[in-house]
Every structure is written in structure tokens, then in C-alpha cells.
N, C-alpha and C. Protein backbone atom coordinates (compact mmCIF):
# COMPACT_ATOMS: atom_id res chain seq x y z
N MET A 1 2.82 -2.76 37.50
CA MET A 1 1.84 -3.20 36.49
C MET A 1 0.57 -1.72 36.77
N LYS A 2 0.49 -1.26 37.94
CA LYS A 2 -0.35 0.30 37.62
C LYS A 2 0.16 0.90 36.80
N ARG A 3 1.32 1.16 36.52
CA ARG A 3 2.13 2.32 35.44
C ARG A 3 1.61 1.94 34.01
N ILE A 4 1.44 0.54 33.79
CA ILE A 4 1.35 -0.13 32.60
C ILE A 4 -0.44 0.28 32.49
N VAL A 5 -1.03 -0.01 33.26
CA VAL A 5 -2.40 0.16 33.29
C VAL A 5 -3.12 1.73 33.00
N LEU A 6 -2.25 2.52 34.06
CA LEU A 6 -2.37 4.07 33.48
C LEU A 6 -1.89 4.64 32.39
N ALA A 7 -0.95 4.12 31.83
CA ALA A 7 -0.54 4.26 30.69
C ALA A 7 -1.38 4.12 29.41
N ALA A 8 -1.88 3.14 29.58
CA ALA A 8 -2.73 2.46 28.81
C ALA A 8 -4.05 3.26 28.78
N LEU A 9 -4.75 3.38 29.84
CA LEU A 9 -5.91 4.40 30.06
C LEU A 9 -5.41 5.84 29.73
N SER A 10 -4.11 6.59 29.98
CA SER A 10 -3.71 7.69 29.27
C SER A 10 -3.84 7.82 27.60
N LEU A 11 -3.47 6.87 27.25
CA LEU A 11 -3.60 6.56 25.58
C LEU A 11 -4.80 6.60 25.02
N ALA A 12 -5.58 5.99 25.83
CA ALA A 12 -6.77 5.86 25.34
C ALA A 12 -7.89 7.23 25.71
N ALA A 13 -7.63 7.73 26.60
CA ALA A 13 -8.06 9.02 26.91
C ALA A 13 -7.81 9.96 25.95
N LEU A 14 -6.67 9.97 25.30
CA LEU A 14 -6.27 10.79 24.03
C LEU A 14 -6.86 10.04 22.80
N GLY A 15 -7.19 9.49 22.78
CA GLY A 15 -7.59 9.07 21.47
C GLY A 15 -6.62 8.18 20.76
N ALA A 16 -5.35 8.04 21.26
CA ALA A 16 -4.50 7.22 20.54
C ALA A 16 -4.39 5.91 20.66
N THR A 17 -4.86 5.44 19.42
CA THR A 17 -4.89 4.05 19.29
C THR A 17 -3.99 3.69 18.04
N ALA A 18 -3.31 2.47 17.92
CA ALA A 18 -2.75 1.93 16.29
C ALA A 18 -3.88 1.41 15.52
N ALA A 19 -3.40 1.62 14.33
CA ALA A 19 -4.43 1.49 13.24
C ALA A 19 -4.11 0.16 13.05
N GLU A 20 -5.21 -0.90 12.84
CA GLU A 20 -5.13 -1.94 12.15
C GLU A 20 -4.35 -1.99 11.09
N PRO A 21 -3.63 -3.11 10.62
CA PRO A 21 -3.27 -3.42 9.36
C PRO A 21 -4.62 -3.97 8.43
N PRO A 22 -3.80 -3.65 7.09
CA PRO A 22 -5.31 -3.72 6.14
C PRO A 22 -5.91 -4.76 5.99
N ALA A 23 -7.05 -5.16 6.18
CA ALA A 23 -7.81 -6.11 5.80
C ALA A 23 -7.15 -7.06 4.65
N PRO A 24 -7.29 -8.07 4.21
CA PRO A 24 -6.98 -9.10 3.18
C PRO A 24 -8.61 -8.78 2.30
N GLY A 25 -8.15 -8.54 1.08
CA GLY A 25 -9.19 -8.38 0.04
C GLY A 25 -8.34 -7.31 -1.08
N LYS A 26 -9.28 -6.74 -1.82
CA LYS A 26 -8.70 -5.75 -2.92
C LYS A 26 -8.91 -4.49 -2.84
N TYR A 27 -8.18 -3.45 -2.90
CA TYR A 27 -7.95 -1.86 -2.81
C TYR A 27 -7.71 -1.38 -4.28
N SER A 28 -8.57 -0.70 -4.77
CA SER A 28 -8.19 -0.40 -6.03
C SER A 28 -8.19 1.45 -6.37
N GLY A 29 -6.86 1.86 -7.22
CA GLY A 29 -7.29 3.20 -7.43
C GLY A 29 -5.77 3.70 -8.43
N GLY A 30 -4.93 4.39 -7.89
CA GLY A 30 -4.11 4.69 -8.82
C GLY A 30 -3.07 5.86 -8.54
N TYR A 31 -2.48 6.29 -9.70
CA TYR A 31 -1.74 7.62 -9.54
C TYR A 31 -1.55 8.34 -11.08
N ASP A 32 -1.34 9.52 -11.03
CA ASP A 32 -1.19 10.16 -12.13
C ASP A 32 0.35 10.19 -12.53
N LEU A 33 0.59 10.14 -14.18
CA LEU A 33 2.16 10.00 -14.57
C LEU A 33 2.30 10.98 -15.58
N GLN A 34 3.50 11.66 -15.52
CA GLN A 34 3.51 13.30 -16.26
C GLN A 34 4.25 12.22 -17.35
N SER A 35 4.20 12.26 -18.51
CA SER A 35 4.82 12.11 -19.86
C SER A 35 5.03 12.98 -20.68
N ARG A 36 5.83 13.13 -21.69
CA ARG A 36 5.79 14.20 -23.03
C ARG A 36 4.62 14.28 -23.49
N THR A 37 3.77 13.79 -23.57
CA THR A 37 2.45 13.63 -24.24
C THR A 37 1.35 14.08 -23.19
N GLY A 38 1.70 14.25 -22.11
CA GLY A 38 0.79 14.84 -21.03
C GLY A 38 0.28 13.83 -19.59
N VAL A 39 -0.63 14.03 -18.85
CA VAL A 39 -0.89 12.96 -17.75
C VAL A 39 -1.50 11.86 -18.08
N SER A 40 -1.20 11.10 -17.74
CA SER A 40 -2.21 9.75 -17.97
C SER A 40 -2.32 8.95 -16.56
N HIS A 41 -3.47 8.45 -16.40
CA HIS A 41 -3.76 7.56 -14.87
C HIS A 41 -3.02 6.23 -15.25
N VAL A 42 -2.66 5.85 -14.05
CA VAL A 42 -2.02 4.54 -13.80
C VAL A 42 -3.01 3.65 -12.99
N SER A 43 -3.65 2.49 -13.26
CA SER A 43 -4.67 2.09 -12.43
C SER A 43 -3.89 1.00 -11.59
N VAL A 44 -3.85 0.80 -10.30
CA VAL A 44 -3.37 0.22 -9.58
C VAL A 44 -4.44 -0.55 -8.72
N VAL A 45 -4.75 -2.20 -8.61
CA VAL A 45 -4.96 -2.88 -7.80
C VAL A 45 -4.48 -3.76 -6.94
N LEU A 46 -4.27 -3.39 -5.58
CA LEU A 46 -3.72 -4.26 -4.67
C LEU A 46 -4.57 -5.32 -4.49
N ASP A 47 -3.96 -6.88 -4.46
CA ASP A 47 -4.95 -7.39 -3.79
C ASP A 47 -4.07 -8.14 -2.59
N VAL A 48 -4.32 -7.82 -1.15
CA VAL A 48 -3.95 -8.35 -0.29
C VAL A 48 -4.50 -9.59 0.13
N LYS A 49 -3.22 -10.51 0.17
CA LYS A 49 -3.69 -12.15 0.10
C LYS A 49 -3.66 -12.57 1.87
N GLU A 50 -2.25 -11.92 2.49
CA GLU A 50 -2.17 -12.56 3.51
C GLU A 50 -1.48 -11.63 4.66
N VAL A 51 -2.14 -11.43 5.64
CA VAL A 51 -1.65 -10.58 6.81
C VAL A 51 -1.14 -11.19 7.92
N ALA A 52 0.07 -11.54 8.23
CA ALA A 52 0.37 -12.64 9.34
C ALA A 52 1.27 -11.42 10.41
N LYS A 53 0.88 -11.42 11.49
CA LYS A 53 1.49 -10.53 12.43
C LYS A 53 2.02 -8.92 11.61
N ASP A 54 3.14 -8.78 11.32
CA ASP A 54 3.43 -7.78 10.79
C ASP A 54 4.03 -8.00 9.40
N LYS A 55 3.70 -8.73 8.77
CA LYS A 55 4.27 -9.40 7.73
C LYS A 55 3.07 -9.20 6.76
N VAL A 56 3.05 -8.66 5.38
CA VAL A 56 2.05 -8.87 4.40
C VAL A 56 2.13 -9.33 3.08
N SER A 57 1.38 -9.86 2.46
CA SER A 57 2.09 -10.28 1.17
C SER A 57 0.57 -10.07 -0.06
N GLY A 58 0.73 -10.01 -1.36
CA GLY A 58 -0.31 -10.35 -2.26
C GLY A 58 0.15 -9.78 -3.47
N THR A 59 -0.54 -8.73 -4.09
CA THR A 59 -0.23 -8.91 -5.64
C THR A 59 -0.47 -7.32 -6.33
N VAL A 60 0.08 -6.95 -7.00
CA VAL A 60 -0.31 -5.53 -7.78
C VAL A 60 -0.64 -5.47 -9.19
N ALA A 61 -1.76 -5.34 -9.83
CA ALA A 61 -1.97 -5.28 -11.19
C ALA A 61 -2.07 -3.92 -11.82
N MET A 62 -1.14 -3.78 -12.25
CA MET A 62 -1.10 -2.25 -12.60
C MET A 62 -1.12 -2.23 -14.37
N ASN A 63 -2.17 -1.01 -14.65
CA ASN A 63 -2.35 -0.89 -16.03
C ASN A 63 -2.61 0.76 -16.43
N GLY A 64 -2.05 1.05 -17.84
CA GLY A 64 -1.87 2.24 -17.81
C GLY A 64 -0.64 2.83 -18.28
N THR A 65 0.43 2.47 -17.91
CA THR A 65 1.86 3.16 -18.36
C THR A 65 2.37 2.36 -19.93
N GLY A 66 1.78 1.61 -20.15
CA GLY A 66 1.83 0.81 -21.42
C GLY A 66 3.10 -0.12 -20.98
N GLY A 67 4.57 0.33 -21.08
CA GLY A 67 5.70 -0.62 -20.61
C GLY A 67 5.76 -1.27 -19.35
N CYS A 68 5.27 -0.72 -18.41
CA CYS A 68 5.27 -1.45 -17.17
C CYS A 68 3.78 -2.02 -16.74
N ASP A 69 2.81 -2.10 -17.49
CA ASP A 69 1.60 -2.77 -17.17
C ASP A 69 2.08 -4.11 -16.97
N GLY A 70 1.34 -4.90 -16.04
CA GLY A 70 1.33 -6.15 -15.48
C GLY A 70 1.13 -6.37 -14.04
N ASP A 71 1.57 -7.67 -13.94
CA ASP A 71 0.83 -8.07 -12.07
C ASP A 71 2.60 -8.26 -11.69
N TYR A 72 2.34 -7.61 -10.27
CA TYR A 72 3.39 -7.99 -9.63
C TYR A 72 3.35 -8.31 -8.20
N PRO A 73 4.03 -9.54 -8.05
CA PRO A 73 4.02 -10.18 -6.63
C PRO A 73 4.69 -9.26 -5.67
N MET A 74 3.91 -8.92 -4.56
CA MET A 74 4.24 -8.14 -3.39
C MET A 74 4.68 -8.85 -2.10
N GLU A 75 5.53 -8.37 -1.31
CA GLU A 75 5.67 -8.78 0.01
C GLU A 75 6.15 -7.20 0.69
N GLY A 76 6.00 -7.38 1.99
CA GLY A 76 6.41 -5.95 3.15
C GLY A 76 5.76 -6.30 4.31
N ARG A 77 5.86 -5.23 4.81
CA ARG A 77 5.77 -5.12 6.66
C ARG A 77 4.41 -4.24 6.81
N TYR A 78 3.93 -4.19 7.78
CA TYR A 78 2.85 -3.18 8.66
C TYR A 78 3.92 -2.96 9.80
N LEU A 79 4.37 -1.65 10.00
CA LEU A 79 5.12 -1.50 10.71
C LEU A 79 4.76 0.39 11.34
N ASN A 80 4.64 0.64 12.62
CA ASN A 80 4.32 1.95 13.17
C ASN A 80 3.17 2.87 12.12
N ASP A 81 2.05 1.60 12.17
CA ASP A 81 0.78 2.36 10.89
C ASP A 81 1.09 2.54 9.79
N GLU A 82 2.09 2.06 9.03
CA GLU A 82 2.31 2.33 7.62
C GLU A 82 2.78 0.79 7.06
N LEU A 83 2.16 0.63 5.74
CA LEU A 83 2.41 -0.42 4.92
C LEU A 83 3.49 -0.37 3.87
N SER A 84 4.41 -1.02 3.80
CA SER A 84 5.53 -0.78 2.96
C SER A 84 5.92 -2.19 2.13
N LEU A 85 5.45 -2.18 0.95
CA LEU A 85 5.41 -3.15 -0.08
C LEU A 85 6.41 -2.83 -0.94
N LYS A 86 6.96 -3.96 -1.51
CA LYS A 86 7.99 -3.87 -2.75
C LYS A 86 7.34 -5.30 -3.43
N SER A 87 7.92 -5.16 -4.93
CA SER A 87 7.54 -5.80 -5.73
C SER A 87 8.90 -7.24 -5.47
N THR A 88 8.82 -8.50 -5.65
CA THR A 88 9.36 -9.69 -5.50
C THR A 88 9.93 -10.04 -6.55
N LYS A 89 9.39 -9.65 -8.01
CA LYS A 89 9.90 -10.19 -9.31
C LYS A 89 9.25 -8.84 -10.07
N LYS A 90 10.23 -8.78 -11.33
CA LYS A 90 10.00 -7.59 -11.65
C LYS A 90 8.95 -7.93 -13.03
N SER A 91 8.54 -7.12 -13.83
CA SER A 91 7.20 -7.48 -14.64
C SER A 91 7.11 -6.21 -15.52
N GLY A 92 6.06 -6.09 -16.50
CA GLY A 92 6.13 -5.25 -17.67
C GLY A 92 6.35 -5.79 -19.18
N ARG A 93 6.21 -5.08 -20.03
CA ARG A 93 6.69 -5.84 -21.74
C ARG A 93 8.07 -6.42 -21.63
N ALA A 94 8.83 -5.64 -20.66
CA ALA A 94 10.46 -6.16 -20.98
C ALA A 94 10.64 -6.63 -19.69
N GLY A 95 9.90 -6.96 -19.03
CA GLY A 95 10.25 -7.74 -17.28
C GLY A 95 10.97 -7.17 -16.76
N ASP A 96 11.46 -5.69 -16.84
CA ASP A 96 12.13 -4.91 -16.33
C ASP A 96 11.67 -4.07 -15.09
N CYS A 97 10.20 -3.67 -15.01
CA CYS A 97 10.02 -3.24 -13.99
C CYS A 97 9.57 -3.40 -12.70
N ALA A 98 9.90 -2.52 -11.79
CA ALA A 98 9.84 -3.17 -10.19
C ALA A 98 8.88 -2.36 -9.82
N PHE A 99 7.89 -2.33 -8.90
CA PHE A 99 7.06 -1.51 -8.23
C PHE A 99 7.00 -1.89 -6.53
N SER A 100 6.87 -0.36 -6.02
CA SER A 100 6.60 -0.42 -4.27
C SER A 100 5.75 0.60 -3.67
N MET A 101 5.42 0.35 -2.71
CA MET A 101 4.87 1.71 -2.48
C MET A 101 4.82 1.83 -0.45
N LYS A 102 4.52 2.65 -0.06
CA LYS A 102 4.27 2.97 1.19
C LYS A 102 2.95 3.89 1.57
N VAL A 103 2.12 2.88 1.91
CA VAL A 103 0.52 3.79 2.56
C VAL A 103 0.23 3.61 3.63
N LYS A 104 -0.63 4.34 4.19
CA LYS A 104 -1.12 4.30 5.62
C LYS A 104 -2.65 4.00 5.24
N PRO A 105 -3.16 3.26 6.28
CA PRO A 105 -4.67 3.23 6.38
C PRO A 105 -5.36 4.39 6.94
N GLU A 106 -6.37 4.85 6.00
CA GLU A 106 -7.29 5.73 6.26
C GLU A 106 -8.63 5.91 5.93
N GLY A 107 -9.26 5.24 6.93
CA GLY A 107 -10.76 4.65 6.89
C GLY A 107 -11.01 3.32 6.24
N ASP A 108 -11.58 3.58 4.84
CA ASP A 108 -11.66 2.21 3.99
C ASP A 108 -10.32 2.67 2.86
N SER A 109 -9.27 3.33 3.16
CA SER A 109 -8.64 3.18 1.98
C SER A 109 -7.18 3.25 2.70
N LEU A 110 -6.22 3.46 1.67
CA LEU A 110 -4.89 3.25 1.99
C LEU A 110 -4.28 4.40 1.01
N VAL A 111 -3.60 5.30 1.79
CA VAL A 111 -3.08 6.65 1.61
C VAL A 111 -1.51 6.82 1.62
N GLY A 112 -0.88 6.99 0.45
CA GLY A 112 0.66 7.24 0.67
C GLY A 112 1.36 7.60 -0.74
N LYS A 113 2.35 7.08 -1.12
CA LYS A 113 3.02 7.45 -2.15
C LYS A 113 4.03 5.98 -2.69
N THR A 114 3.98 5.94 -4.13
CA THR A 114 4.44 5.13 -4.60
C THR A 114 6.21 4.76 -4.45
N GLY A 115 7.01 4.13 -4.97
CA GLY A 115 8.65 4.19 -4.76
C GLY A 115 8.85 5.22 -5.20
N GLY A 116 8.01 5.91 -6.49
CA GLY A 116 8.58 6.93 -7.48
C GLY A 116 8.41 8.30 -6.72
N GLY A 117 7.46 8.02 -5.78
CA GLY A 117 7.29 9.39 -5.00
C GLY A 117 5.89 10.10 -5.58
N ARG A 118 4.96 9.02 -6.09
CA ARG A 118 3.79 9.58 -6.80
C ARG A 118 2.32 9.34 -5.54
N ASP A 119 1.74 10.50 -5.67
CA ASP A 119 0.58 10.13 -4.78
C ASP A 119 -0.09 9.01 -5.52
N LEU A 120 -0.60 8.08 -4.22
CA LEU A 120 -1.08 7.06 -4.40
C LEU A 120 -2.68 6.94 -3.09
N THR A 121 -3.57 6.67 -3.90
CA THR A 121 -5.08 6.41 -3.21
C THR A 121 -5.41 5.04 -3.61
N LEU A 122 -5.61 4.19 -2.57
CA LEU A 122 -6.46 2.82 -3.04
C LEU A 122 -7.51 3.08 -1.92
N LYS A 123 -8.61 2.24 -2.71
CA LYS A 123 -9.64 2.19 -1.72
C LYS A 123 -10.07 1.02 -2.00
N LYS A 124 -10.68 0.33 -0.57
CA LYS A 124 -11.25 -0.92 -0.62
C LYS A 124 -12.25 -1.30 -1.23
N LYS A 125 -12.38 -2.49 -2.14
CA LYS A 125 -13.55 -2.57 -3.01
C LYS A 125 -14.63 -3.48 -2.03
């Protein structure tokens, strides 16, 4: 018991604390997409509906890419201070687009990358 308390005190003294999972609510932002015609911004709004232990669910509304615009139901996990989400259903004009992301909480934002490797920043509304 003494070892556990001392270890916890040592971590606290070093400022090492686990980040909390993202709070339910909306996070908005996006990423830039390079195409033949230039760079366009893709708007992403993540609506975190439920956080239960390490499981997270919600939806993503994406707008700006044309063919993949739409709503994506999302599920994933919050482990090791990282939120990993994948769409559970395809969306877009042809219904053939999927979306995923891995982000970490930084203040009131979620910062990381899309499944395609694009930089993604979402700020709490």
C-alpha cells in the first residue's frame, strides 16, 4: 500500500496526470485537402454523444469535399490519452466514403490526424 501511495505522489509531483476523455458536446474545425484544382478546406463537426468508460460514440458532419460530404455515425475508444474514432456506416454522395480520426485533447481542442493522415484540429463549441 505504501508503494502505491508513494508512486502516485511521485507522479503528481512530476505533473504527470492522465488527460480526461473529451466531454460530450460539439467540436468543430477541419482539415485542408489538396486536389487537382488546389487546396480546399473540409469542415468537420464532431458531436460526442456518449462517453462510457473508454468507449466513445457520436457523429461527424463533414462538408467541403463534395463527394464525401455527409453525416457519419462514429464509434471508438479513448485509451492512453488518445481518442480513436471510426465511422460505423459509409456516407457521401455514392455512400462509399468512410472517415476515421485519432486525436488527443489539448485544452479545449482535439488535435491529431484523420485516417488519411491529414492534420485535424477540432475546437469545443
